[in-house]
Amino acid sequence: MKTKSIIWWFITTAIAILIVVYSCAATYLWARQSHFIFRPERNVVNSPADYGIPYEDLYIAVSDVDGEGERIHAWLMPAEQSSGKYLLYLHGSALNIGANINHAQRFLDMGLSVLLVSYRGYGKSDGTFPEEAKLYADAEAAWNYLTVQKNVKPGSIFIYGHSLGGAVAINLAVDHPEAGGLIVESAFTSIVDMAKLTPVYRIFPLNLMVNQRFDSRKKVRHLQVPAIYIHGTQDSLVPYGMSRVLYKLTASAKQMELIQGGRHNNSALVGGKKYLQAVKRFFDFADRVNRCLSTPTRATFR
């Protein structure tokens, strides 16, 4: 009898310890999850001047309640041979705008003027550590800068987002169906889906725990702007199948381009001419769709 009591004591103690450890781990993940998602860097190593690109150095006011009086840092780079189009460039979770100049130059060379912004908590922007809602407000501030202060027609603005920036771009495009188009590169479906890729996270109730959701899977169903999804087939961080899911669920006219051998951050480099041609075709596609939507004639584009 004494032996059974000891065994039972060990079992109940072990269960209690496991419950405590599990609860502590869950609490830690809930409280610190933003630090697993965002990887901001304050030091801006490069500027457009290092690439010989003329630019305006800007600080744009943010109007959300939590960020009253705060500003985001941005560079407005005018295209040398302008097509009249603008690109609102929303970068990914790591570093800041200084790491995105080289890619932004590809759009400049296509004739688009580029507004490249750092979210609050990144680079020279104000604010503390980033949060999902703040990124959305920052993108909205950048949109307002172009449409209100620069008086750019919304239909001339294309929204671009890479990785986490793709989720921010999708959210902005849903809020602004008057935009010219949406370019989403290396994007995920949601943070919950991303967490499920890591086996250890699956033991937690992710749908209840995740408070930085970036749920693009849900939002693309409400898109009205023409969209293109670009993804490298060798992306080991975000599976390209996630872009396929977003493409399938997107309600608006859409295209998709898979870059063979492309990884998370180098599809443009690996794809070369194929990448550039895909983007150029999309601009033509978006123009045709938008012209059609501005007339009584109804058509379906895919």
C-alpha atoms as a PDB file:
ATOM      1  CA  MET A   1       0.000   0.000   0.000  1.00  0.00           C
ATOM      2  CA  LYS A   2       2.825   2.340   0.855  1.00  0.00           C
ATOM      3  CA  THR A   3       4.511   1.658  -2.503  1.00  0.00           C
ATOM      4  CA  LYS A   4       1.305   2.495  -4.389  1.00  0.00           C
ATOM      5  CA  SER A   5       1.021   5.756  -2.465  1.00  0.00           C
ATOM      6  CA  ILE A   6       4.580   6.720  -3.385  1.00  0.00           C
ATOM      7  CA  ILE A   7       3.967   5.894  -7.059  1.00  0.00           C
ATOM      8  CA  TRP A   8       0.750   7.902  -7.038  1.00  0.00           C
ATOM      9  CA  TRP A   9       2.546  10.814  -5.384  1.00  0.00           C
ATOM     10  CA  PHE A  10       5.222  10.781  -8.091  1.00  0.00           C
ATOM     11  CA  ILE A  11       2.595  10.652 -10.836  1.00  0.00           C
ATOM     12  CA  THR A  12       0.511  13.515  -9.453  1.00  0.00           C
ATOM     13  CA  THR A  13       3.646  15.578  -8.752  1.00  0.00           C
ATOM     14  CA  ALA A  14       4.919  15.001 -12.300  1.00  0.00           C
ATOM     15  CA  ILE A  15       1.535  15.993 -13.741  1.00  0.00           C
ATOM     16  CA  ALA A  16       1.455  19.122 -11.589  1.00  0.00           C
ATOM     17  CA  ILE A  17       4.964  20.084 -12.719  1.00  0.00           C
ATOM     18  CA  LEU A  18       4.036  19.533 -16.364  1.00  0.00           C
ATOM     19  CA  ILE A  19       0.939  21.698 -15.949  1.00  0.00           C
ATOM     20  CA  VAL A  20       2.989  24.475 -14.358  1.00  0.00           C
ATOM     21  CA  VAL A  21       5.687  24.269 -17.052  1.00  0.00           C
ATOM     22  CA  TYR A  22       3.075  24.203 -19.832  1.00  0.00           C
ATOM     23  CA  SER A  23       1.214  27.173 -18.321  1.00  0.00           C
ATOM     24  CA  CYS A  24       4.427  29.178 -17.914  1.00  0.00           C
ATOM     25  CA  ALA A  25       5.502  28.397 -21.477  1.00  0.00           C
ATOM     26  CA  ALA A  26       2.080  29.354 -22.840  1.00  0.00           C
ATOM     27  CA  THR A  27       2.071  32.606 -20.863  1.00  0.00           C
ATOM     28  CA  TYR A  28       5.577  33.450 -22.065  1.00  0.00           C
ATOM     29  CA  LEU A  29       4.671  32.785 -25.715  1.00  0.00           C
ATOM     30  CA  TRP A  30       1.503  34.862 -25.404  1.00  0.00           C
ATOM     31  CA  ALA A  31       3.294  37.788 -23.780  1.00  0.00           C
ATOM     32  CA  ARG A  32       6.424  37.729 -25.957  1.00  0.00           C
ATOM     33  CA  GLN A  33       5.069  36.587 -29.315  1.00  0.00           C
ATOM     34  CA  SER A  34       5.705  39.920 -30.983  1.00  0.00           C
ATOM     35  CA  HIS A  35       9.421  39.388 -30.316  1.00  0.00           C
ATOM     36  CA  PHE A  36       9.242  36.140 -32.286  1.00  0.00           C
ATOM     37  CA  ILE A  37       7.608  37.955 -35.211  1.00  0.00           C
ATOM     38  CA  PHE A  38       9.300  41.353 -35.487  1.00  0.00           C
ATOM     39  CA  ARG A  39      13.063  41.780 -35.869  1.00  0.00           C
ATOM     40  CA  PRO A  40      13.559  45.536 -36.112  1.00  0.00           C
ATOM     41  CA  GLU A  41      16.930  47.178 -36.569  1.00  0.00           C
ATOM     42  CA  ARG A  42      17.449  50.800 -35.570  1.00  0.00           C
ATOM     43  CA  ASN A  43      20.695  51.391 -37.442  1.00  0.00           C
ATOM     44  CA  VAL A  44      20.047  52.408 -41.063  1.00  0.00           C
ATOM     45  CA  VAL A  45      23.193  51.292 -42.840  1.00  0.00           C
ATOM     46  CA  ASN A  46      22.403  52.437 -46.397  1.00  0.00           C
ATOM     47  CA  SER A  47      20.500  55.263 -48.023  1.00  0.00           C
ATOM     48  CA  PRO A  48      19.376  55.860 -51.629  1.00  0.00           C
ATOM     49  CA  ALA A  49      22.365  58.186 -52.018  1.00  0.00           C
ATOM     50  CA  ASP A  50      24.645  55.146 -51.766  1.00  0.00           C
ATOM     51  CA  TYR A  51      22.971  53.855 -54.946  1.00  0.00           C
ATOM     52  CA  GLY A  52      23.039  57.224 -56.706  1.00  0.00           C
ATOM     53  CA  ILE A  53      19.256  57.567 -56.354  1.00  0.00           C
ATOM     54  CA  PRO A  54      17.748  61.033 -55.762  1.00  0.00           C
ATOM     55  CA  TYR A  55      15.290  61.035 -52.859  1.00  0.00           C
ATOM     56  CA  GLU A  56      13.356  63.042 -50.307  1.00  0.00           C
ATOM     57  CA  ASP A  57      13.993  62.214 -46.645  1.00  0.00           C
ATOM     58  CA  LEU A  58      10.599  62.306 -44.928  1.00  0.00           C
ATOM     59  CA  TYR A  59       8.931  61.974 -41.546  1.00  0.00           C
ATOM     60  CA  ILE A  60       5.218  61.227 -41.845  1.00  0.00           C
ATOM     61  CA  ALA A  61       2.837  61.781 -38.947  1.00  0.00           C
ATOM     62  CA  VAL A  62       0.774  58.822 -37.729  1.00  0.00           C
ATOM     63  CA  SER A  63      -2.783  59.525 -36.642  1.00  0.00           C
ATOM     64  CA  ASP A  64      -3.755  56.457 -34.587  1.00  0.00           C
ATOM     65  CA  VAL A  65      -4.644  57.075 -30.941  1.00  0.00           C
ATOM     66  CA  ASP A  66      -1.739  55.095 -29.483  1.00  0.00           C
ATOM     67  CA  GLY A  67       0.745  56.821 -31.756  1.00  0.00           C
ATOM     68  CA  GLU A  68      -0.358  60.427 -31.319  1.00  0.00           C
ATOM     69  CA  GLY A  69       2.587  62.663 -32.113  1.00  0.00           C
ATOM     70  CA  GLU A  70       4.686  59.799 -33.528  1.00  0.00           C
ATOM     71  CA  ARG A  71       6.149  59.697 -37.027  1.00  0.00           C
ATOM     72  CA  ILE A  72       7.426  57.134 -39.469  1.00  0.00           C
ATOM     73  CA  HIS A  73      10.598  57.639 -41.454  1.00  0.00           C
ATOM     74  CA  ALA A  74      10.331  57.302 -45.233  1.00  0.00           C
ATOM     75  CA  TRP A  75      12.152  57.905 -48.487  1.00  0.00           C
ATOM     76  CA  LEU A  76      10.338  59.137 -51.569  1.00  0.00           C
ATOM     77  CA  MET A  77      12.351  58.216 -54.647  1.00  0.00           C
ATOM     78  CA  PRO A  78      11.047  59.738 -57.905  1.00  0.00           C
ATOM     79  CA  ALA A  79      11.432  57.674 -61.056  1.00  0.00           C
ATOM     80  CA  GLU A  80      13.805  59.196 -63.583  1.00  0.00           C
ATOM     81  CA  GLN A  81      11.472  58.281 -66.446  1.00  0.00           C
ATOM     82  CA  SER A  82       8.153  58.338 -64.675  1.00  0.00           C
ATOM     83  CA  SER A  83       5.159  56.326 -65.848  1.00  0.00           C
ATOM     84  CA  GLY A  84       2.949  58.338 -63.512  1.00  0.00           C
ATOM     85  CA  LYS A  85       2.599  55.365 -61.182  1.00  0.00           C
ATOM     86  CA  TYR A  86       3.704  55.160 -57.546  1.00  0.00           C
ATOM     87  CA  LEU A  87       4.714  52.156 -55.470  1.00  0.00           C
ATOM     88  CA  LEU A  88       4.019  52.151 -51.728  1.00  0.00           C
ATOM     89  CA  TYR A  89       6.701  49.747 -50.522  1.00  0.00           C
ATOM     90  CA  LEU A  90       6.084  47.856 -47.249  1.00  0.00           C
ATOM     91  CA  HIS A  91       9.089  45.839 -46.093  1.00  0.00           C
ATOM     92  CA  GLY A  92       9.252  42.585 -44.133  1.00  0.00           C
ATOM     93  CA  SER A  93       9.766  41.807 -40.458  1.00  0.00           C
ATOM     94  CA  ALA A  94      13.543  42.292 -40.294  1.00  0.00           C
ATOM     95  CA  LEU A  95      15.942  45.269 -40.476  1.00  0.00           C
ATOM     96  CA  ASN A  96      14.468  48.503 -41.966  1.00  0.00           C
ATOM     97  CA  ILE A  97      14.169  50.466 -45.205  1.00  0.00           C
ATOM     98  CA  GLY A  98      17.949  50.588 -45.632  1.00  0.00           C
ATOM     99  CA  ALA A  99      17.928  46.889 -46.549  1.00  0.00           C
ATOM    100  CA  ASN A 100      15.312  47.365 -49.292  1.00  0.00           C
ATOM    101  CA  ILE A 101      16.797  50.015 -51.564  1.00  0.00           C
ATOM    102  CA  ASN A 102      18.257  47.600 -54.073  1.00  0.00           C
ATOM    103  CA  HIS A 103      14.900  45.930 -54.663  1.00  0.00           C
ATOM    104  CA  ALA A 104      13.076  49.267 -54.728  1.00  0.00           C
ATOM    105  CA  GLN A 105      15.399  50.333 -57.535  1.00  0.00           C
ATOM    106  CA  ARG A 106      13.924  47.607 -59.758  1.00  0.00           C
ATOM    107  CA  PHE A 107      10.561  49.377 -59.568  1.00  0.00           C
ATOM    108  CA  LEU A 108      12.184  52.759 -60.154  1.00  0.00           C
ATOM    109  CA  ASP A 109      13.690  51.360 -63.343  1.00  0.00           C
ATOM    110  CA  MET A 110      10.173  50.372 -64.445  1.00  0.00           C
ATOM    111  CA  GLY A 111       9.087  53.993 -64.156  1.00  0.00           C
ATOM    112  CA  LEU A 112       7.409  53.895 -60.740  1.00  0.00           C
ATOM    113  CA  SER A 113       8.207  56.455 -58.082  1.00  0.00           C
ATOM    114  CA  VAL A 114       8.704  54.615 -54.786  1.00  0.00           C
ATOM    115  CA  LEU A 115       7.675  55.555 -51.246  1.00  0.00           C
ATOM    116  CA  LEU A 116       9.667  53.273 -48.946  1.00  0.00           C
ATOM    117  CA  VAL A 117       8.645  53.434 -45.285  1.00  0.00           C
ATOM    118  CA  SER A 118       9.944  52.076 -41.970  1.00  0.00           C
ATOM    119  CA  TYR A 119       7.295  51.028 -39.466  1.00  0.00           C
ATOM    120  CA  ARG A 120       7.407  52.462 -35.965  1.00  0.00           C
ATOM    121  CA  GLY A 121      10.100  50.744 -33.963  1.00  0.00           C
ATOM    122  CA  TYR A 122      12.227  50.300 -37.102  1.00  0.00           C
ATOM    123  CA  GLY A 123      15.101  52.458 -38.294  1.00  0.00           C
ATOM    124  CA  LYS A 124      14.648  56.164 -37.661  1.00  0.00           C
ATOM    125  CA  SER A 125      10.894  55.950 -37.114  1.00  0.00           C
ATOM    126  CA  ASP A 126       9.456  56.902 -33.736  1.00  0.00           C
ATOM    127  CA  GLY A 127       7.838  54.452 -31.372  1.00  0.00           C
ATOM    128  CA  THR A 128       8.842  51.463 -29.314  1.00  0.00           C
ATOM    129  CA  PHE A 129       8.553  47.809 -30.289  1.00  0.00           C
ATOM    130  CA  PRO A 130       6.242  47.084 -33.258  1.00  0.00           C
ATOM    131  CA  GLU A 131       2.723  45.665 -33.049  1.00  0.00           C
ATOM    132  CA  GLU A 132       0.302  44.470 -35.725  1.00  0.00           C
ATOM    133  CA  ALA A 133      -2.168  47.334 -35.303  1.00  0.00           C
ATOM    134  CA  LYS A 134       0.638  49.896 -35.437  1.00  0.00           C
ATOM    135  CA  LEU A 135       1.941  48.507 -38.735  1.00  0.00           C
ATOM    136  CA  TYR A 136      -1.513  48.891 -40.259  1.00  0.00           C
ATOM    137  CA  ALA A 137      -1.728  52.481 -39.010  1.00  0.00           C
ATOM    138  CA  ASP A 138       1.754  53.219 -40.378  1.00  0.00           C
ATOM    139  CA  ALA A 139       0.780  51.923 -43.827  1.00  0.00           C
ATOM    140  CA  GLU A 140      -2.369  54.060 -43.693  1.00  0.00           C
ATOM    141  CA  ALA A 141      -0.259  57.123 -42.836  1.00  0.00           C
ATOM    142  CA  ALA A 142       1.954  56.440 -45.864  1.00  0.00           C
ATOM    143  CA  TRP A 143      -1.127  56.081 -48.071  1.00  0.00           C
ATOM    144  CA  ASN A 144      -2.530  59.380 -46.771  1.00  0.00           C
ATOM    145  CA  TYR A 145       0.789  61.091 -47.415  1.00  0.00           C
ATOM    146  CA  LEU A 146       0.671  60.113 -51.084  1.00  0.00           C
ATOM    147  CA  THR A 147      -3.018  60.788 -51.678  1.00  0.00           C
ATOM    148  CA  VAL A 148      -3.462  63.897 -49.532  1.00  0.00           C
ATOM    149  CA  GLN A 149      -0.107  65.668 -49.255  1.00  0.00           C
ATOM    150  CA  LYS A 150       1.281  64.655 -52.655  1.00  0.00           C
ATOM    151  CA  ASN A 151      -2.150  64.617 -54.310  1.00  0.00           C
ATOM    152  CA  VAL A 152      -1.442  61.330 -56.089  1.00  0.00           C
ATOM    153  CA  LYS A 153      -4.519  59.700 -57.597  1.00  0.00           C
ATOM    154  CA  PRO A 154      -5.297  56.456 -55.721  1.00  0.00           C
ATOM    155  CA  GLY A 155      -5.590  54.547 -58.987  1.00  0.00           C
ATOM    156  CA  SER A 156      -1.963  55.398 -59.730  1.00  0.00           C
ATOM    157  CA  ILE A 157      -0.718  53.791 -56.498  1.00  0.00           C
ATOM    158  CA  PHE A 158       0.389  50.165 -56.397  1.00  0.00           C
ATOM    159  CA  ILE A 159       0.866  48.614 -52.969  1.00  0.00           C
ATOM    160  CA  TYR A 160       3.833  46.258 -52.580  1.00  0.00           C
ATOM    161  CA  GLY A 161       4.592  44.061 -49.578  1.00  0.00           C
ATOM    162  CA  HIS A 162       7.256  41.447 -48.935  1.00  0.00           C
ATOM    163  CA  SER A 163       6.752  38.643 -46.381  1.00  0.00           C
ATOM    164  CA  LEU A 164       5.243  40.281 -43.274  1.00  0.00           C
ATOM    165  CA  GLY A 165       4.862  43.415 -45.387  1.00  0.00           C
ATOM    166  CA  GLY A 166       2.637  41.355 -47.660  1.00  0.00           C
ATOM    167  CA  ALA A 167       0.135  40.989 -44.813  1.00  0.00           C
ATOM    168  CA  VAL A 168       0.299  44.746 -44.191  1.00  0.00           C
ATOM    169  CA  ALA A 169      -0.135  45.414 -47.922  1.00  0.00           C
ATOM    170  CA  ILE A 170      -3.174  43.125 -48.133  1.00  0.00           C
ATOM    171  CA  ASN A 171      -4.785  44.875 -45.171  1.00  0.00           C
ATOM    172  CA  LEU A 172      -4.184  48.291 -46.759  1.00  0.00           C
ATOM    173  CA  ALA A 173      -5.492  47.144 -50.152  1.00  0.00           C
ATOM    174  CA  VAL A 174      -8.700  45.821 -48.569  1.00  0.00           C
ATOM    175  CA  ASP A 175      -9.211  49.228 -46.958  1.00  0.00           C
ATOM    176  CA  HIS A 176      -8.477  51.025 -50.244  1.00  0.00           C
ATOM    177  CA  PRO A 177     -10.179  49.294 -53.175  1.00  0.00           C
ATOM    178  CA  GLU A 178      -9.474  52.447 -55.178  1.00  0.00           C
ATOM    179  CA  ALA A 179      -5.750  51.542 -55.350  1.00  0.00           C
ATOM    180  CA  GLY A 180      -4.266  50.599 -58.715  1.00  0.00           C
ATOM    181  CA  GLY A 181      -3.102  47.146 -57.674  1.00  0.00           C
ATOM    182  CA  LEU A 182      -1.405  44.913 -55.137  1.00  0.00           C
ATOM    183  CA  ILE A 183       1.922  43.072 -55.375  1.00  0.00           C
ATOM    184  CA  VAL A 184       2.497  40.462 -52.670  1.00  0.00           C
ATOM    185  CA  GLU A 185       5.821  38.620 -52.474  1.00  0.00           C
ATOM    186  CA  SER A 186       6.830  35.671 -50.261  1.00  0.00           C
ATOM    187  CA  ALA A 187       3.727  36.089 -48.116  1.00  0.00           C
ATOM    188  CA  PHE A 188       2.200  33.803 -45.503  1.00  0.00           C
ATOM    189  CA  THR A 189      -1.469  33.022 -44.897  1.00  0.00           C
ATOM    190  CA  SER A 190      -1.501  33.900 -41.177  1.00  0.00           C
ATOM    191  CA  ILE A 191       0.722  33.856 -38.106  1.00  0.00           C
ATOM    192  CA  VAL A 192      -1.275  30.914 -36.759  1.00  0.00           C
ATOM    193  CA  ASP A 193      -0.476  28.932 -39.905  1.00  0.00           C
ATOM    194  CA  MET A 194       3.189  29.930 -39.640  1.00  0.00           C
ATOM    195  CA  ALA A 195       3.332  28.829 -35.997  1.00  0.00           C
ATOM    196  CA  LYS A 196       1.913  25.443 -36.933  1.00  0.00           C
ATOM    197  CA  LEU A 197       4.970  24.842 -39.116  1.00  0.00           C
ATOM    198  CA  THR A 198       7.019  24.488 -35.896  1.00  0.00           C
ATOM    199  CA  PRO A 199       6.057  21.172 -34.198  1.00  0.00           C
ATOM    200  CA  VAL A 200       6.634  22.391 -30.623  1.00  0.00           C
ATOM    201  CA  TYR A 201       4.080  25.205 -31.056  1.00  0.00           C
ATOM    202  CA  ARG A 202       1.350  22.754 -32.045  1.00  0.00           C
ATOM    203  CA  ILE A 203       0.899  21.626 -28.446  1.00  0.00           C
ATOM    204  CA  PHE A 204      -0.509  25.062 -27.603  1.00  0.00           C
ATOM    205  CA  PRO A 205      -4.011  26.414 -28.426  1.00  0.00           C
ATOM    206  CA  LEU A 206      -2.662  28.762 -31.092  1.00  0.00           C
ATOM    207  CA  ASN A 207      -6.028  30.117 -32.205  1.00  0.00           C
ATOM    208  CA  LEU A 208      -6.575  31.358 -28.654  1.00  0.00           C
ATOM    209  CA  MET A 209      -3.001  32.449 -27.922  1.00  0.00           C
ATOM    210  CA  VAL A 210      -1.983  34.385 -31.030  1.00  0.00           C
ATOM    211  CA  ASN A 211      -2.714  38.094 -30.655  1.00  0.00           C
ATOM    212  CA  GLN A 212      -0.574  39.269 -33.591  1.00  0.00           C
ATOM    213  CA  ARG A 213      -2.624  37.433 -36.190  1.00  0.00           C
ATOM    214  CA  PHE A 214      -1.878  38.990 -39.609  1.00  0.00           C
ATOM    215  CA  ASP A 215      -4.717  36.859 -40.998  1.00  0.00           C
ATOM    216  CA  SER A 216      -4.332  37.373 -44.743  1.00  0.00           C
ATOM    217  CA  ARG A 217      -6.198  34.134 -45.432  1.00  0.00           C
ATOM    218  CA  LYS A 218      -9.361  35.827 -44.188  1.00  0.00           C
ATOM    219  CA  LYS A 219      -8.735  39.256 -45.699  1.00  0.00           C
ATOM    220  CA  VAL A 220      -7.981  38.331 -49.323  1.00  0.00           C
ATOM    221  CA  ARG A 221     -11.600  37.185 -49.664  1.00  0.00           C
ATOM    222  CA  HIS A 222     -12.496  40.893 -49.538  1.00  0.00           C
ATOM    223  CA  LEU A 223      -9.929  42.227 -52.015  1.00  0.00           C
ATOM    224  CA  GLN A 224     -11.250  44.312 -54.893  1.00  0.00           C
ATOM    225  CA  VAL A 225      -7.981  45.474 -56.418  1.00  0.00           C
ATOM    226  CA  PRO A 226      -6.028  43.459 -59.018  1.00  0.00           C
ATOM    227  CA  ALA A 227      -3.391  41.370 -57.241  1.00  0.00           C
ATOM    228  CA  ILE A 228      -0.325  39.303 -58.057  1.00  0.00           C
ATOM    229  CA  TYR A 229       1.372  36.800 -55.772  1.00  0.00           C
ATOM    230  CA  ILE A 230       5.074  36.127 -56.308  1.00  0.00           C
ATOM    231  CA  HIS A 231       6.913  33.371 -54.470  1.00  0.00           C
ATOM    232  CA  GLY A 232      10.158  31.419 -54.762  1.00  0.00           C
ATOM    233  CA  THR A 233       9.793  27.648 -54.926  1.00  0.00           C
ATOM    234  CA  GLN A 234      12.792  27.138 -52.603  1.00  0.00           C
ATOM    235  CA  ASP A 235      11.528  29.446 -49.850  1.00  0.00           C
ATOM    236  CA  SER A 236      12.411  27.567 -46.650  1.00  0.00           C
ATOM    237  CA  LEU A 237      10.873  30.193 -44.348  1.00  0.00           C
ATOM    238  CA  VAL A 238       7.422  30.600 -45.886  1.00  0.00           C
ATOM    239  CA  PRO A 239       6.264  27.686 -48.078  1.00  0.00           C
ATOM    240  CA  TYR A 240       5.185  28.846 -51.533  1.00  0.00           C
ATOM    241  CA  GLY A 241       2.001  26.841 -51.029  1.00  0.00           C
ATOM    242  CA  MET A 242       0.807  29.665 -48.782  1.00  0.00           C
ATOM    243  CA  SER A 243       0.820  32.052 -51.743  1.00  0.00           C
ATOM    244  CA  ARG A 244      -1.156  29.467 -53.683  1.00  0.00           C
ATOM    245  CA  VAL A 245      -3.759  29.450 -50.905  1.00  0.00           C
ATOM    246  CA  LEU A 246      -3.958  33.260 -50.915  1.00  0.00           C
ATOM    247  CA  TYR A 247      -4.249  33.290 -54.700  1.00  0.00           C
ATOM    248  CA  LYS A 248      -7.072  30.762 -54.632  1.00  0.00           C
ATOM    249  CA  LEU A 249      -9.014  32.674 -51.965  1.00  0.00           C
ATOM    250  CA  THR A 250      -8.508  36.130 -53.514  1.00  0.00           C
ATOM    251  CA  ALA A 251     -11.807  37.601 -54.658  1.00  0.00           C
ATOM    252  CA  SER A 252     -10.428  40.125 -57.154  1.00  0.00           C
ATOM    253  CA  ALA A 253      -8.714  39.734 -60.515  1.00  0.00           C
ATOM    254  CA  LYS A 254      -5.436  37.985 -59.836  1.00  0.00           C
ATOM    255  CA  GLN A 255      -2.211  36.515 -61.131  1.00  0.00           C
ATOM    256  CA  MET A 256       0.498  34.312 -59.660  1.00  0.00           C
ATOM    257  CA  GLU A 257       4.174  33.876 -60.519  1.00  0.00           C
ATOM    258  CA  LEU A 258       6.369  31.161 -59.034  1.00  0.00           C
ATOM    259  CA  ILE A 259      10.097  31.767 -59.306  1.00  0.00           C
ATOM    260  CA  GLN A 260      11.902  28.454 -59.706  1.00  0.00           C
ATOM    261  CA  GLY A 261      14.774  28.233 -57.222  1.00  0.00           C
ATOM    262  CA  GLY A 262      13.879  31.486 -55.527  1.00  0.00           C
ATOM    263  CA  ARG A 263      14.251  31.690 -51.750  1.00  0.00           C
ATOM    264  CA  HIS A 264      12.582  33.990 -49.280  1.00  0.00           C
ATOM    265  CA  ASN A 265      14.581  37.118 -50.071  1.00  0.00           C
ATOM    266  CA  ASN A 266      16.086  36.589 -53.527  1.00  0.00           C
ATOM    267  CA  SER A 267      13.324  35.760 -56.005  1.00  0.00           C
ATOM    268  CA  ALA A 268      13.999  38.931 -57.995  1.00  0.00           C
ATOM    269  CA  LEU A 269      17.692  38.108 -58.202  1.00  0.00           C
ATOM    270  CA  VAL A 270      17.143  34.438 -59.069  1.00  0.00           C
ATOM    271  CA  GLY A 271      14.251  35.130 -61.426  1.00  0.00           C
ATOM    272  CA  GLY A 272      16.030  37.961 -63.226  1.00  0.00           C
ATOM    273  CA  LYS A 273      14.182  38.866 -66.432  1.00  0.00           C
ATOM    274  CA  LYS A 274      11.349  36.469 -65.629  1.00  0.00           C
ATOM    275  CA  TYR A 275      10.634  38.322 -62.387  1.00  0.00           C
ATOM    276  CA  LEU A 276      10.715  41.731 -64.065  1.00  0.00           C
ATOM    277  CA  GLN A 277       8.551  40.576 -66.968  1.00  0.00           C
ATOM    278  CA  ALA A 278       5.989  39.126 -64.556  1.00  0.00           C
ATOM    279  CA  VAL A 279       5.716  42.448 -62.720  1.00  0.00           C
ATOM    280  CA  LYS A 280       5.485  44.430 -65.957  1.00  0.00           C
ATOM    281  CA  ARG A 281       2.764  42.104 -67.255  1.00  0.00           C
ATOM    282  CA  PHE A 282       0.910  42.627 -64.013  1.00  0.00           C
ATOM    283  CA  PHE A 283       0.954  46.408 -64.418  1.00  0.00           C
ATOM    284  CA  ASP A 284      -0.571  46.002 -67.891  1.00  0.00           C
ATOM    285  CA  PHE A 285      -3.055  43.462 -66.514  1.00  0.00           C
ATOM    286  CA  ALA A 286      -4.087  45.792 -63.671  1.00  0.00           C
ATOM    287  CA  ASP A 287      -4.550  48.695 -66.086  1.00  0.00           C
ATOM    288  CA  ARG A 288      -6.840  46.586 -68.280  1.00  0.00           C
ATOM    289  CA  VAL A 289      -8.852  45.385 -65.286  1.00  0.00           C
ATOM    290  CA  ASN A 290      -9.229  48.877 -63.869  1.00  0.00           C
ATOM    291  CA  ARG A 291     -10.305  50.299 -67.237  1.00  0.00           C
ATOM    292  CA  CYS A 292     -12.879  47.547 -67.555  1.00  0.00           C
ATOM    293  CA  LEU A 293     -14.183  48.085 -64.021  1.00  0.00           C
ATOM    294  CA  SER A 294     -14.621  51.792 -64.741  1.00  0.00           C
ATOM    295  CA  THR A 295     -17.096  50.943 -67.538  1.00  0.00           C
ATOM    296  CA  PRO A 296     -20.550  49.314 -67.327  1.00  0.00           C
ATOM    297  CA  THR A 297     -19.200  46.206 -69.066  1.00  0.00           C
ATOM    298  CA  ARG A 298     -18.542  43.364 -66.661  1.00  0.00           C
ATOM    299  CA  ALA A 299     -15.700  40.927 -67.205  1.00  0.00           C
ATOM    300  CA  THR A 300     -13.829  38.314 -65.235  1.00  0.00           C
ATOM    301  CA  PHE A 301     -10.010  38.327 -65.240  1.00  0.00           C
ATOM    302  CA  ARG A 302      -7.786  35.532 -64.075  1.00  0.00           C
END
